[in-house]
Structure formats: C-alpha cells, structure tokens
Amino acid sequence: MFGALNRFISRLDSDSPSQSPNGSHGAFGFQVLRNKNPEIPIEPWYDFIVGINGRHIDDPDPALFATEVRNCAGSTVTLTLWTAK
C-alpha cells in the first residue's frame, strides 16, 4: 500500500511526468495536509486534490490552483479527490 502511495507522490514531485500505460498525460494533484473543518470528509495525508470544477489539474503550479479557487469567489468550488486508502 505505501509503495503505491510513494510512487504516486514521486510522480507528483517529478519535473517531467512519465506517461502512464492508459495514456493520460500530465496528471497532477495536491496532497491534503490539513483539514480544519471536521464536517468535510477529507482525510489529511491520504487524500489528494486531482481536479477542480470538473477539470483535471494539468499543471503542478500551486499559484494557478490558488488563482482558480480565487476566481470562484462567491460561488461553489468543486474538488475531485483521489484517496490512497
């Protein structure tokens, strides 16, 4: 189980993502490190945000992710999660 998690994290940290066997390109995500709201069922360290508002994250730049969230100010933000559990 931890081997698969470590491989996933190393792919997220790599400068040039390798192509997966199923042909998906540039799959990125952000690991959840903390959840201050117990009403939201997100588990730190095991959950990864891999999409926002119905689109996959295709750039590892956290500034672009933060901009996308800010652009949704006053409306709903939908996050797609992948869990390692």
PDB file of N, CA and C in Angstrom:
ATOM      1  N   MET A   1       0.819  -1.182   0.000  1.00  0.00           N
ATOM      2  CA  MET A   1       0.000   0.000   0.000  1.00  0.00           C
ATOM      3  C   MET A   1       0.870   1.256   0.000  1.00  0.00           C
ATOM      4  N   PHE A   2       1.893   1.310   0.859  1.00  0.00           N
ATOM      5  CA  PHE A   2       2.724   2.505   0.925  1.00  0.00           C
ATOM      6  C   PHE A   2       3.620   2.627  -0.301  1.00  0.00           C
ATOM      7  N   GLY A   3       3.953   1.503  -0.926  1.00  0.00           N
ATOM      8  CA  GLY A   3       4.734   1.563  -2.156  1.00  0.00           C
ATOM      9  C   GLY A   3       3.981   2.288  -3.249  1.00  0.00           C
ATOM     10  N   ALA A   4       2.686   1.992  -3.382  1.00  0.00           N
ATOM     11  CA  ALA A   4       1.865   2.668  -4.395  1.00  0.00           C
ATOM     12  C   ALA A   4       1.733   4.148  -4.070  1.00  0.00           C
ATOM     13  N   LEU A   5       1.565   4.480  -2.803  1.00  0.00           N
ATOM     14  CA  LEU A   5       1.462   5.883  -2.395  1.00  0.00           C
ATOM     15  C   LEU A   5       2.767   6.617  -2.688  1.00  0.00           C
ATOM     16  N   ASN A   6       3.899   5.992  -2.378  1.00  0.00           N
ATOM     17  CA  ASN A   6       5.191   6.623  -2.645  1.00  0.00           C
ATOM     18  C   ASN A   6       5.412   6.834  -4.137  1.00  0.00           C
ATOM     19  N   ARG A   7       5.008   5.878  -4.975  1.00  0.00           N
ATOM     20  CA  ARG A   7       5.133   6.047  -6.426  1.00  0.00           C
ATOM     21  C   ARG A   7       4.262   7.192  -6.903  1.00  0.00           C
ATOM     22  N   PHE A   8       3.031   7.304  -6.346  1.00  0.00           N
ATOM     23  CA  PHE A   8       2.135   8.390  -6.735  1.00  0.00           C
ATOM     24  C   PHE A   8       2.734   9.738  -6.348  1.00  0.00           C
ATOM     25  N   ILE A   9       3.255   9.838  -5.143  1.00  0.00           N
ATOM     26  CA  ILE A   9       3.841  11.094  -4.678  1.00  0.00           C
ATOM     27  C   ILE A   9       5.072  11.432  -5.510  1.00  0.00           C
ATOM     28  N   SER A  10       5.898  10.451  -5.827  1.00  0.00           N
ATOM     29  CA  SER A  10       7.086  10.738  -6.632  1.00  0.00           C
ATOM     30  C   SER A  10       6.704  11.212  -8.027  1.00  0.00           C
ATOM     31  N   ARG A  11       5.602  10.691  -8.588  1.00  0.00           N
ATOM     32  CA  ARG A  11       5.133  11.197  -9.886  1.00  0.00           C
ATOM     33  C   ARG A  11       4.687  12.640  -9.766  1.00  0.00           C
ATOM     34  N   LEU A  12       4.048  12.999  -8.653  1.00  0.00           N
ATOM     35  CA  LEU A  12       3.606  14.381  -8.461  1.00  0.00           C
ATOM     36  C   LEU A  12       4.794  15.318  -8.298  1.00  0.00           C
ATOM     37  N   ASP A  13       5.868  14.830  -7.697  1.00  0.00           N
ATOM     38  CA  ASP A  13       7.034  15.660  -7.435  1.00  0.00           C
ATOM     39  C   ASP A  13       8.000  15.732  -8.605  1.00  0.00           C
ATOM     40  N   SER A  14       7.880  14.846  -9.588  1.00  0.00           N
ATOM     41  CA  SER A  14       8.836  14.814 -10.690  1.00  0.00           C
ATOM     42  C   SER A  14       8.669  16.028 -11.594  1.00  0.00           C
ATOM     43  N   ASP A  15       9.792  16.455 -12.177  1.00  0.00           N
ATOM     44  CA  ASP A  15       9.765  17.614 -13.073  1.00  0.00           C
ATOM     45  C   ASP A  15       9.117  17.274 -14.404  1.00  0.00           C
ATOM     46  N   SER A  16       9.344  16.086 -14.905  1.00  0.00           N
ATOM     47  CA  SER A  16       8.749  15.693 -16.180  1.00  0.00           C
ATOM     48  C   SER A  16       7.925  14.436 -15.957  1.00  0.00           C
ATOM     49  N   PRO A  17       6.615  14.560 -15.952  1.00  0.00           N
ATOM     50  CA  PRO A  17       5.773  13.399 -15.672  1.00  0.00           C
ATOM     51  C   PRO A  17       5.911  12.332 -16.747  1.00  0.00           C
ATOM     52  N   SER A  18       5.950  11.080 -16.302  1.00  0.00           N
ATOM     53  CA  SER A  18       6.025   9.988 -17.259  1.00  0.00           C
ATOM     54  C   SER A  18       4.622   9.617 -17.715  1.00  0.00           C
ATOM     55  N   GLN A  19       4.556   9.076 -18.917  1.00  0.00           N
ATOM     56  CA  GLN A  19       3.256   8.689 -19.464  1.00  0.00           C
ATOM     57  C   GLN A  19       2.807   7.392 -18.821  1.00  0.00           C
ATOM     58  N   SER A  20       1.586   7.378 -18.366  1.00  0.00           N
ATOM     59  CA  SER A  20       1.053   6.173 -17.745  1.00  0.00           C
ATOM     60  C   SER A  20       0.582   5.221 -18.834  1.00  0.00           C
ATOM     61  N   PRO A  21       0.446   3.931 -18.523  1.00  0.00           N
ATOM     62  CA  PRO A  21       0.050   2.964 -19.530  1.00  0.00           C
ATOM     63  C   PRO A  21      -1.306   3.249 -20.177  1.00  0.00           C
ATOM     64  N   ASN A  22      -2.226   3.902 -19.464  1.00  0.00           N
ATOM     65  CA  ASN A  22      -3.544   4.134 -20.042  1.00  0.00           C
ATOM     66  C   ASN A  22      -3.593   5.381 -20.907  1.00  0.00           C
ATOM     67  N   GLY A  23      -2.447   6.090 -21.062  1.00  0.00           N
ATOM     68  CA  GLY A  23      -2.375   7.199 -21.990  1.00  0.00           C
ATOM     69  C   GLY A  23      -2.722   8.556 -21.421  1.00  0.00           C
ATOM     70  N   SER A  24      -2.938   8.686 -20.110  1.00  0.00           N
ATOM     71  CA  SER A  24      -3.244  10.006 -19.560  1.00  0.00           C
ATOM     72  C   SER A  24      -1.951  10.800 -19.453  1.00  0.00           C
ATOM     73  N   HIS A  25      -2.000  12.053 -19.832  1.00  0.00           N
ATOM     74  CA  HIS A  25      -0.825  12.916 -19.822  1.00  0.00           C
ATOM     75  C   HIS A  25      -0.979  13.970 -18.742  1.00  0.00           C
ATOM     76  N   GLY A  26       0.124  14.288 -18.065  1.00  0.00           N
ATOM     77  CA  GLY A  26       0.154  15.395 -17.144  1.00  0.00           C
ATOM     78  C   GLY A  26      -0.844  15.325 -16.005  1.00  0.00           C
ATOM     79  N   ALA A  27      -0.968  14.188 -15.362  1.00  0.00           N
ATOM     80  CA  ALA A  27      -1.873  14.064 -14.228  1.00  0.00           C
ATOM     81  C   ALA A  27      -1.155  14.572 -12.983  1.00  0.00           C
ATOM     82  N   PHE A  28      -1.684  15.630 -12.400  1.00  0.00           N
ATOM     83  CA  PHE A  28      -1.084  16.223 -11.216  1.00  0.00           C
ATOM     84  C   PHE A  28      -2.116  16.288 -10.108  1.00  0.00           C
ATOM     85  N   GLY A  29      -1.652  16.582  -8.912  1.00  0.00           N
ATOM     86  CA  GLY A  29      -2.554  16.732  -7.781  1.00  0.00           C
ATOM     87  C   GLY A  29      -1.839  17.393  -6.631  1.00  0.00           C
ATOM     88  N   PHE A  30      -2.614  17.774  -5.634  1.00  0.00           N
ATOM     89  CA  PHE A  30      -2.071  18.400  -4.439  1.00  0.00           C
ATOM     90  C   PHE A  30      -2.488  17.576  -3.231  1.00  0.00           C
ATOM     91  N   GLN A  31      -1.515  17.198  -2.408  1.00  0.00           N
ATOM     92  CA  GLN A  31      -1.806  16.392  -1.226  1.00  0.00           C
ATOM     93  C   GLN A  31      -2.444  17.264  -0.154  1.00  0.00           C
ATOM     94  N   VAL A  32      -3.504  16.754   0.445  1.00  0.00           N
ATOM     95  CA  VAL A  32      -4.166  17.456   1.543  1.00  0.00           C
ATOM     96  C   VAL A  32      -3.327  17.244   2.803  1.00  0.00           C
ATOM     97  N   LEU A  33      -2.892  18.337   3.401  1.00  0.00           N
ATOM     98  CA  LEU A  33      -2.048  18.241   4.588  1.00  0.00           C
ATOM     99  C   LEU A  33      -2.801  18.529   5.877  1.00  0.00           C
ATOM    100  N   ARG A  34      -3.920  19.253   5.767  1.00  0.00           N
ATOM    101  CA  ARG A  34      -4.655  19.620   6.972  1.00  0.00           C
ATOM    102  C   ARG A  34      -6.114  19.853   6.605  1.00  0.00           C
ATOM    103  N   ASN A  35      -7.006  19.502   7.513  1.00  0.00           N
ATOM    104  CA  ASN A  35      -8.431  19.762   7.355  1.00  0.00           C
ATOM    105  C   ASN A  35      -8.936  20.342   8.671  1.00  0.00           C
ATOM    106  N   LYS A  36      -9.231  21.635   8.664  1.00  0.00           N
ATOM    107  CA  LYS A  36      -9.687  22.305   9.892  1.00  0.00           C
ATOM    108  C   LYS A  36     -11.185  22.187  10.105  1.00  0.00           C
ATOM    109  N   ASN A  37     -11.919  21.701   9.112  1.00  0.00           N
ATOM    110  CA  ASN A  37     -13.377  21.590   9.218  1.00  0.00           C
ATOM    111  C   ASN A  37     -13.760  20.113   9.306  1.00  0.00           C
ATOM    112  N   PRO A  38     -14.145  19.635  10.489  1.00  0.00           N
ATOM    113  CA  PRO A  38     -14.468  18.210  10.638  1.00  0.00           C
ATOM    114  C   PRO A  38     -15.729  17.785   9.875  1.00  0.00           C
ATOM    115  N   GLU A  39     -16.512  18.736   9.393  1.00  0.00           N
ATOM    116  CA  GLU A  39     -17.711  18.396   8.630  1.00  0.00           C
ATOM    117  C   GLU A  39     -17.389  18.003   7.185  1.00  0.00           C
ATOM    118  N   ILE A  40     -16.201  18.330   6.725  1.00  0.00           N
ATOM    119  CA  ILE A  40     -15.784  17.982   5.367  1.00  0.00           C
ATOM    120  C   ILE A  40     -15.021  16.660   5.440  1.00  0.00           C
ATOM    121  N   PRO A  41     -15.474  15.640   4.727  1.00  0.00           N
ATOM    122  CA  PRO A  41     -14.845  14.313   4.835  1.00  0.00           C
ATOM    123  C   PRO A  41     -13.563  14.195   4.001  1.00  0.00           C
ATOM    124  N   ILE A  42     -12.570  15.023   4.315  1.00  0.00           N
ATOM    125  CA  ILE A  42     -11.270  14.959   3.661  1.00  0.00           C
ATOM    126  C   ILE A  42     -10.260  14.518   4.696  1.00  0.00           C
ATOM    127  N   GLU A  43      -9.470  13.500   4.352  1.00  0.00           N
ATOM    128  CA  GLU A  43      -8.521  12.956   5.307  1.00  0.00           C
ATOM    129  C   GLU A  43      -7.101  13.388   4.948  1.00  0.00           C
ATOM    130  N   PRO A  44      -6.470  14.202   5.812  1.00  0.00           N
ATOM    131  CA  PRO A  44      -5.106  14.650   5.540  1.00  0.00           C
ATOM    132  C   PRO A  44      -4.149  13.487   5.326  1.00  0.00           C
ATOM    133  N   TRP A  45      -3.181  13.715   4.480  1.00  0.00           N
ATOM    134  CA  TRP A  45      -2.115  12.794   4.106  1.00  0.00           C
ATOM    135  C   TRP A  45      -2.581  11.679   3.180  1.00  0.00           C
ATOM    136  N   TYR A  46      -3.838  11.285   3.204  1.00  0.00           N
ATOM    137  CA  TYR A  46      -4.322  10.205   2.360  1.00  0.00           C
ATOM    138  C   TYR A  46      -5.080  10.709   1.138  1.00  0.00           C
ATOM    139  N   ASP A  47      -5.602  11.918   1.192  1.00  0.00           N
ATOM    140  CA  ASP A  47      -6.400  12.454   0.089  1.00  0.00           C
ATOM    141  C   ASP A  47      -5.586  13.444  -0.735  1.00  0.00           C
ATOM    142  N   PHE A  48      -5.834  13.413  -2.036  1.00  0.00           N
ATOM    143  CA  PHE A  48      -5.166  14.294  -2.983  1.00  0.00           C
ATOM    144  C   PHE A  48      -6.225  14.994  -3.818  1.00  0.00           C
ATOM    145  N   ILE A  49      -6.071  16.287  -4.042  1.00  0.00           N
ATOM    146  CA  ILE A  49      -6.962  17.030  -4.927  1.00  0.00           C
ATOM    147  C   ILE A  49      -6.401  16.866  -6.330  1.00  0.00           C
ATOM    148  N   VAL A  50      -7.163  16.214  -7.204  1.00  0.00           N
ATOM    149  CA  VAL A  50      -6.702  15.945  -8.566  1.00  0.00           C
ATOM    150  C   VAL A  50      -7.522  16.683  -9.620  1.00  0.00           C
ATOM    151  N   GLY A  51      -8.556  17.403  -9.192  1.00  0.00           N
ATOM    152  CA  GLY A  51      -9.365  18.157 -10.141  1.00  0.00           C
ATOM    153  C   GLY A  51     -10.096  19.284  -9.456  1.00  0.00           C
ATOM    154  N   ILE A  52     -10.460  20.282 -10.245  1.00  0.00           N
ATOM    155  CA  ILE A  52     -11.211  21.412  -9.722  1.00  0.00           C
ATOM    156  C   ILE A  52     -12.251  21.818 -10.753  1.00  0.00           C
ATOM    157  N   ASN A  53     -13.487  21.958 -10.284  1.00  0.00           N
ATOM    158  CA  ASN A  53     -14.612  22.372 -11.131  1.00  0.00           C
ATOM    159  C   ASN A  53     -14.758  21.509 -12.386  1.00  0.00           C
ATOM    160  N   GLY A  54     -14.607  20.208 -12.214  1.00  0.00           N
ATOM    161  CA  GLY A  54     -14.831  19.269 -13.313  1.00  0.00           C
ATOM    162  C   GLY A  54     -13.668  19.097 -14.260  1.00  0.00           C
ATOM    163  N   ARG A  55     -12.537  19.734 -13.993  1.00  0.00           N
ATOM    164  CA  ARG A  55     -11.359  19.594 -14.861  1.00  0.00           C
ATOM    165  C   ARG A  55     -10.209  19.017 -14.057  1.00  0.00           C
ATOM    166  N   HIS A  56      -9.423  18.146 -14.718  1.00  0.00           N
ATOM    167  CA  HIS A  56      -8.236  17.599 -14.064  1.00  0.00           C
ATOM    168  C   HIS A  56      -7.179  18.677 -13.940  1.00  0.00           C
ATOM    169  N   ILE A  57      -6.370  18.580 -12.908  1.00  0.00           N
ATOM    170  CA  ILE A  57      -5.257  19.516 -12.733  1.00  0.00           C
ATOM    171  C   ILE A  57      -4.163  19.097 -13.709  1.00  0.00           C
ATOM    172  N   ASP A  58      -3.825  19.984 -14.640  1.00  0.00           N
ATOM    173  CA  ASP A  58      -2.837  19.642 -15.664  1.00  0.00           C
ATOM    174  C   ASP A  58      -1.553  20.447 -15.534  1.00  0.00           C
ATOM    175  N   ASP A  59      -1.409  21.211 -14.462  1.00  0.00           N
ATOM    176  CA  ASP A  59      -0.193  21.989 -14.225  1.00  0.00           C
ATOM    177  C   ASP A  59       0.111  21.945 -12.732  1.00  0.00           C
ATOM    178  N   PRO A  60       1.342  21.616 -12.347  1.00  0.00           N
ATOM    179  CA  PRO A  60       1.660  21.483 -10.925  1.00  0.00           C
ATOM    180  C   PRO A  60       1.887  22.801 -10.202  1.00  0.00           C
ATOM    181  N   ASP A  61       1.656  23.933 -10.854  1.00  0.00           N
ATOM    182  CA  ASP A  61       1.902  25.237 -10.250  1.00  0.00           C
ATOM    183  C   ASP A  61       0.819  25.567  -9.221  1.00  0.00           C
ATOM    184  N   PRO A  62       1.181  25.651  -7.927  1.00  0.00           N
ATOM    185  CA  PRO A  62       0.175  25.952  -6.903  1.00  0.00           C
ATOM    186  C   PRO A  62      -0.433  27.348  -7.055  1.00  0.00           C
ATOM    187  N   ALA A  63       0.281  28.274  -7.676  1.00  0.00           N
ATOM    188  CA  ALA A  63      -0.263  29.619  -7.880  1.00  0.00           C
ATOM    189  C   ALA A  63      -1.456  29.577  -8.834  1.00  0.00           C
ATOM    190  N   LEU A  64      -1.383  28.736  -9.862  1.00  0.00           N
ATOM    191  CA  LEU A  64      -2.512  28.600 -10.796  1.00  0.00           C
ATOM    192  C   LEU A  64      -3.723  27.992 -10.093  1.00  0.00           C
ATOM    193  N   PHE A  65      -3.467  27.018  -9.223  1.00  0.00           N
ATOM    194  CA  PHE A  65      -4.549  26.402  -8.462  1.00  0.00           C
ATOM    195  C   PHE A  65      -5.208  27.437  -7.554  1.00  0.00           C
ATOM    196  N   ALA A  66      -4.386  28.237  -6.857  1.00  0.00           N
ATOM    197  CA  ALA A  66      -4.923  29.270  -5.966  1.00  0.00           C
ATOM    198  C   ALA A  66      -5.715  30.316  -6.753  1.00  0.00           C
ATOM    199  N   THR A  67      -5.258  30.650  -7.946  1.00  0.00           N
ATOM    200  CA  THR A  67      -5.972  31.611  -8.789  1.00  0.00           C
ATOM    201  C   THR A  67      -7.328  31.060  -9.197  1.00  0.00           C
ATOM    202  N   GLU A  68      -7.370  29.776  -9.535  1.00  0.00           N
ATOM    203  CA  GLU A  68      -8.645  29.148  -9.923  1.00  0.00           C
ATOM    204  C   GLU A  68      -9.638  29.192  -8.756  1.00  0.00           C
ATOM    205  N   VAL A  69      -9.160  28.938  -7.556  1.00  0.00           N
ATOM    206  CA  VAL A  69     -10.030  28.990  -6.377  1.00  0.00           C
ATOM    207  C   VAL A  69     -10.502  30.426  -6.134  1.00  0.00           C
ATOM    208  N   ARG A  70      -9.587  31.400  -6.255  1.00  0.00           N
ATOM    209  CA  ARG A  70      -9.959  32.800  -6.065  1.00  0.00           C
ATOM    210  C   ARG A  70     -10.969  33.264  -7.111  1.00  0.00           C
ATOM    211  N   ASN A  71     -10.863  32.769  -8.330  1.00  0.00           N
ATOM    212  CA  ASN A  71     -11.798  33.141  -9.396  1.00  0.00           C
ATOM    213  C   ASN A  71     -13.220  32.675  -9.083  1.00  0.00           C
ATOM    214  N   CYS A  72     -13.357  31.725  -8.185  1.00  0.00           N
ATOM    215  CA  CYS A  72     -14.672  31.205  -7.819  1.00  0.00           C
ATOM    216  C   CYS A  72     -15.233  31.899  -6.583  1.00  0.00           C
ATOM    217  N   ALA A  73     -14.649  33.019  -6.210  1.00  0.00           N
ATOM    218  CA  ALA A  73     -15.101  33.735  -5.016  1.00  0.00           C
ATOM    219  C   ALA A  73     -16.589  34.036  -5.116  1.00  0.00           C
ATOM    220  N   GLY A  74     -17.324  33.676  -4.078  1.00  0.00           N
ATOM    221  CA  GLY A  74     -18.759  33.909  -4.039  1.00  0.00           C
ATOM    222  C   GLY A  74     -19.583  32.819  -4.686  1.00  0.00           C
ATOM    223  N   SER A  75     -18.924  31.804  -5.219  1.00  0.00           N
ATOM    224  CA  SER A  75     -19.663  30.683  -5.815  1.00  0.00           C
ATOM    225  C   SER A  75     -19.072  29.366  -5.306  1.00  0.00           C
ATOM    226  N   THR A  76     -19.580  28.279  -5.808  1.00  0.00           N
ATOM    227  CA  THR A  76     -19.171  26.952  -5.359  1.00  0.00           C
ATOM    228  C   THR A  76     -17.900  26.487  -6.073  1.00  0.00           C
ATOM    229  N   VAL A  77     -17.007  25.856  -5.318  1.00  0.00           N
ATOM    230  CA  VAL A  77     -15.814  25.227  -5.870  1.00  0.00           C
ATOM    231  C   VAL A  77     -15.984  23.723  -5.679  1.00  0.00           C
ATOM    232  N   THR A  78     -15.868  22.968  -6.755  1.00  0.00           N
ATOM    233  CA  THR A  78     -15.982  21.518  -6.688  1.00  0.00           C
ATOM    234  C   THR A  78     -14.593  20.910  -6.848  1.00  0.00           C
ATOM    235  N   LEU A  79     -14.171  20.106  -5.869  1.00  0.00           N
ATOM    236  CA  LEU A  79     -12.863  19.463  -5.910  1.00  0.00           C
ATOM    237  C   LEU A  79     -13.031  17.975  -6.172  1.00  0.00           C
ATOM    238  N   THR A  80     -12.192  17.435  -7.033  1.00  0.00           N
ATOM    239  CA  THR A  80     -12.147  15.999  -7.278  1.00  0.00           C
ATOM    240  C   THR A  80     -11.013  15.437  -6.439  1.00  0.00           C
ATOM    241  N   LEU A  81     -11.326  14.412  -5.639  1.00  0.00           N
ATOM    242  CA  LEU A  81     -10.325  13.836  -4.743  1.00  0.00           C
ATOM    243  C   LEU A  81      -9.943  12.431  -5.169  1.00  0.00           C
ATOM    244  N   TRP A  82      -8.703  12.066  -4.897  1.00  0.00           N
ATOM    245  CA  TRP A  82      -8.237  10.694  -5.009  1.00  0.00           C
ATOM    246  C   TRP A  82      -7.716  10.335  -3.630  1.00  0.00           C
ATOM    247  N   THR A  83      -8.105   9.183  -3.130  1.00  0.00           N
ATOM    248  CA  THR A  83      -7.659   8.767  -1.801  1.00  0.00           C
ATOM    249  C   THR A  83      -6.732   7.571  -1.913  1.00  0.00           C
ATOM    250  N   ALA A  84      -5.728   7.555  -1.058  1.00  0.00           N
ATOM    251  CA  ALA A  84      -4.759   6.466  -1.043  1.00  0.00           C
ATOM    252  C   ALA A  84      -5.200   5.326  -0.122  1.00  0.00           C
ATOM    253  N   LYS A  85      -6.332   5.474   0.519  1.00  0.00           N
ATOM    254  CA  LYS A  85      -6.819   4.419   1.417  1.00  0.00           C
ATOM    255  C   LYS A  85      -7.621   3.409   0.671  1.00  0.00           C
TER     256      LYS A  85
END
